[in-house]
Protein backbone atom coordinates (compact mmCIF):
# COMPACT_ATOMS: atom_id res chain seq x y z
CA MET A 1 -16.14 24.70 21.91
CA SER A 2 -13.35 23.17 24.16
CA LYS A 3 -10.71 20.34 22.80
CA LYS A 4 -12.13 18.31 25.98
CA ASN A 5 -16.25 18.09 24.29
CA GLU A 6 -14.65 17.42 20.78
CA GLU A 7 -16.27 14.00 19.27
CA PHE A 8 -13.43 11.78 18.47
CA VAL A 9 -13.39 10.42 15.02
CA PRO A 10 -11.12 7.70 14.38
CA ARG A 11 -9.45 7.53 10.70
CA PHE A 12 -7.59 4.45 9.77
CA ALA A 13 -4.32 3.85 7.86
CA TYR A 14 -3.89 0.34 6.04
CA ILE A 15 -0.35 -0.96 5.29
CA MET A 16 -1.00 -3.42 2.67
CA ARG A 17 1.59 -6.40 2.49
CA GLY A 18 1.73 -9.29 0.07
CA VAL A 19 3.53 -10.48 -2.82
CA PRO A 20 1.89 -9.92 -6.39
CA GLY A 21 -1.09 -11.99 -6.81
CA SER A 22 -2.03 -12.08 -3.24
CA GLY A 23 -4.95 -10.06 -3.45
CA LYS A 24 -3.72 -6.67 -1.74
CA SER A 25 -5.15 -4.37 -4.23
CA THR A 26 -8.49 -5.86 -4.40
CA VAL A 27 -8.51 -5.46 -0.30
CA ALA A 28 -7.28 -2.27 -0.61
CA ARG A 29 -9.95 -1.13 -2.65
CA LYS A 30 -12.74 -2.92 -0.27
CA LEU A 31 -10.80 -1.60 3.08
CA ALA A 32 -10.62 2.37 1.14
CA GLY A 33 -14.67 1.69 0.25
CA GLU A 34 -15.92 5.10 -1.61
CA GLU A 35 -14.66 7.72 1.21
CA GLY A 36 -11.29 6.22 1.61
CA LYS A 37 -7.83 6.71 -1.11
CA VAL A 38 -5.93 3.98 -1.85
CA HIS A 39 -2.09 5.10 -3.00
CA SER A 40 0.08 2.73 -4.68
CA THR A 41 3.68 3.02 -5.99
CA ASP A 42 2.09 0.73 -9.23
CA ASP A 43 -0.19 3.76 -10.07
CA PHE A 44 3.23 5.87 -11.17
CA PHE A 45 3.81 3.14 -13.97
CA MET A 46 0.96 3.22 -15.53
CA LYS A 47 1.22 5.10 -19.18
CA ASP A 48 -1.46 5.38 -21.24
CA GLY A 49 -3.38 2.77 -19.33
CA VAL A 50 -0.01 0.11 -19.97
CA TYR A 51 1.80 -0.86 -16.76
CA THR A 52 5.23 -0.14 -17.84
CA TRP A 53 8.02 -1.26 -15.40
CA GLU A 54 11.19 1.11 -15.43
CA PRO A 55 13.41 0.37 -12.45
CA LYS A 56 15.21 3.34 -12.81
CA TYR A 57 12.40 5.33 -11.47
CA LEU A 58 11.25 3.06 -8.59
CA GLY A 59 13.18 5.63 -5.87
CA MET A 60 11.39 8.21 -7.15
CA TYR A 61 7.84 6.64 -7.35
CA HIS A 62 8.25 5.85 -3.83
CA LYS A 63 9.04 9.21 -2.89
CA LEU A 64 5.90 10.28 -4.84
CA ASN A 65 3.82 7.75 -3.52
CA LEU A 66 4.40 8.77 0.27
CA SER A 67 4.22 12.28 -0.86
CA GLU A 68 0.64 11.80 -1.91
CA PHE A 69 -0.35 9.72 0.61
CA GLY A 70 1.08 11.85 3.06
CA LYS A 71 -1.29 14.38 1.38
CA SER A 72 -4.23 12.46 2.10
CA CYS A 73 -3.05 12.11 5.62
CA LYS A 74 -3.04 15.61 5.92
CA ALA A 75 -6.41 16.05 4.15
CA GLN A 76 -7.75 13.29 7.11
CA PHE A 77 -9.59 10.89 4.54
CA PRO A 78 -11.25 8.22 6.94
CA VAL A 79 -9.44 5.60 5.35
CA VAL A 80 -5.92 5.94 3.77
CA VAL A 81 -4.58 2.57 2.54
CA CYS A 82 -0.71 1.68 1.51
CA ASP A 83 -1.38 -0.56 -1.73
CA ASN A 84 2.61 -1.83 -1.96
CA THR A 85 4.46 -5.31 -1.75
CA ASN A 86 6.24 -3.79 1.45
CA VAL A 87 8.16 -7.15 1.69
CA ARG A 88 10.58 -5.54 4.41
CA LYS A 89 8.96 -4.20 7.40
CA ALA A 90 11.18 -1.11 6.54
CA HIS A 91 9.44 -0.33 3.50
CA PHE A 92 6.15 0.73 4.89
CA ARG A 93 7.74 2.24 8.43
CA LYS A 94 7.51 5.51 6.54
CA TYR A 95 3.76 5.41 5.60
CA ALA A 96 3.07 4.24 9.20
CA ASP A 97 4.95 7.07 10.45
CA VAL A 98 3.41 9.47 8.73
CA ALA A 99 -0.11 8.39 9.22
CA ARG A 100 0.52 8.77 13.32
CA THR A 101 1.69 11.95 12.80
CA PHE A 102 -1.70 12.89 11.56
CA GLY A 103 -3.46 10.86 13.76
CA TYR A 104 -4.19 7.79 12.42
CA ILE A 105 -4.45 4.15 13.42
CA VAL A 106 -2.58 2.13 11.85
CA VAL A 107 -3.14 -1.55 10.58
CA GLU A 108 -0.90 -3.82 8.98
CA VAL A 109 -3.08 -6.47 6.58
CA LYS A 110 -0.48 -8.74 5.26
CA LEU A 111 -2.19 -11.36 3.43
CA PRO A 112 -1.55 -15.16 3.09
CA HIS A 113 1.34 -15.98 0.15
CA PRO A 114 -0.65 -17.90 -2.80
CA ASP A 115 1.58 -20.78 -4.00
CA PRO A 116 4.14 -18.84 -6.73
CA GLU A 117 2.82 -20.38 -9.58
CA VAL A 118 -0.80 -19.24 -9.10
CA ALA A 119 0.51 -15.72 -7.80
CA ALA A 120 2.36 -15.36 -11.27
CA ALA A 121 -0.72 -16.07 -13.46
CA ARG A 122 -2.91 -14.03 -11.43
CA ASN A 123 -0.73 -10.40 -11.07
CA THR A 124 -1.42 -7.94 -12.93
CA HIS A 125 1.63 -6.52 -13.57
CA ALA A 126 3.40 -9.79 -15.48
CA VAL A 127 5.96 -10.22 -12.02
CA PRO A 128 7.59 -13.69 -13.02
CA GLN A 129 7.30 -16.70 -10.89
CA ASP A 130 10.67 -16.76 -9.97
CA ALA A 131 10.46 -13.03 -8.62
CA ILE A 132 7.75 -13.85 -6.73
CA GLU A 133 9.49 -16.83 -4.93
CA ARG A 134 12.29 -14.19 -3.72
CA MET A 135 9.84 -12.13 -2.22
CA ILE A 136 7.99 -15.02 -0.54
CA PHE A 137 12.06 -16.23 0.66
CA THR A 138 13.06 -13.12 1.81
CA PHE A 139 9.51 -11.66 3.44
CA GLN A 140 9.76 -10.46 6.63
CA ASP A 141 6.85 -11.53 9.26
């Protein structure tokens, strides 16, 4: 069969953006559905079911998450999701580039900033209110 007659199957890469407690992970799971794949650097900080933040591993875990995201793109999952805060656009550019390399339609999903007090109360990794306020202040639109 020639390439001209092949059916176009759109694949989507969603890049989540938002502060902790904004609902990124909830939306990411909905977008991925049952056939998609969600990739979050936070998952690498989980040890025996407990989130264990160790800043010295952040760079390494981001690289691992990008690598796993790339493997899902190469495997042609119908939907892949980068579920990181992505405060700066440069933070997610590599994910978007990888997805486009494999023919994905890239969609940036920016969640509204909740009140910092609310975000601090509902985020699952105990990120304090002052850290959330700093993220909101430095967030690139």
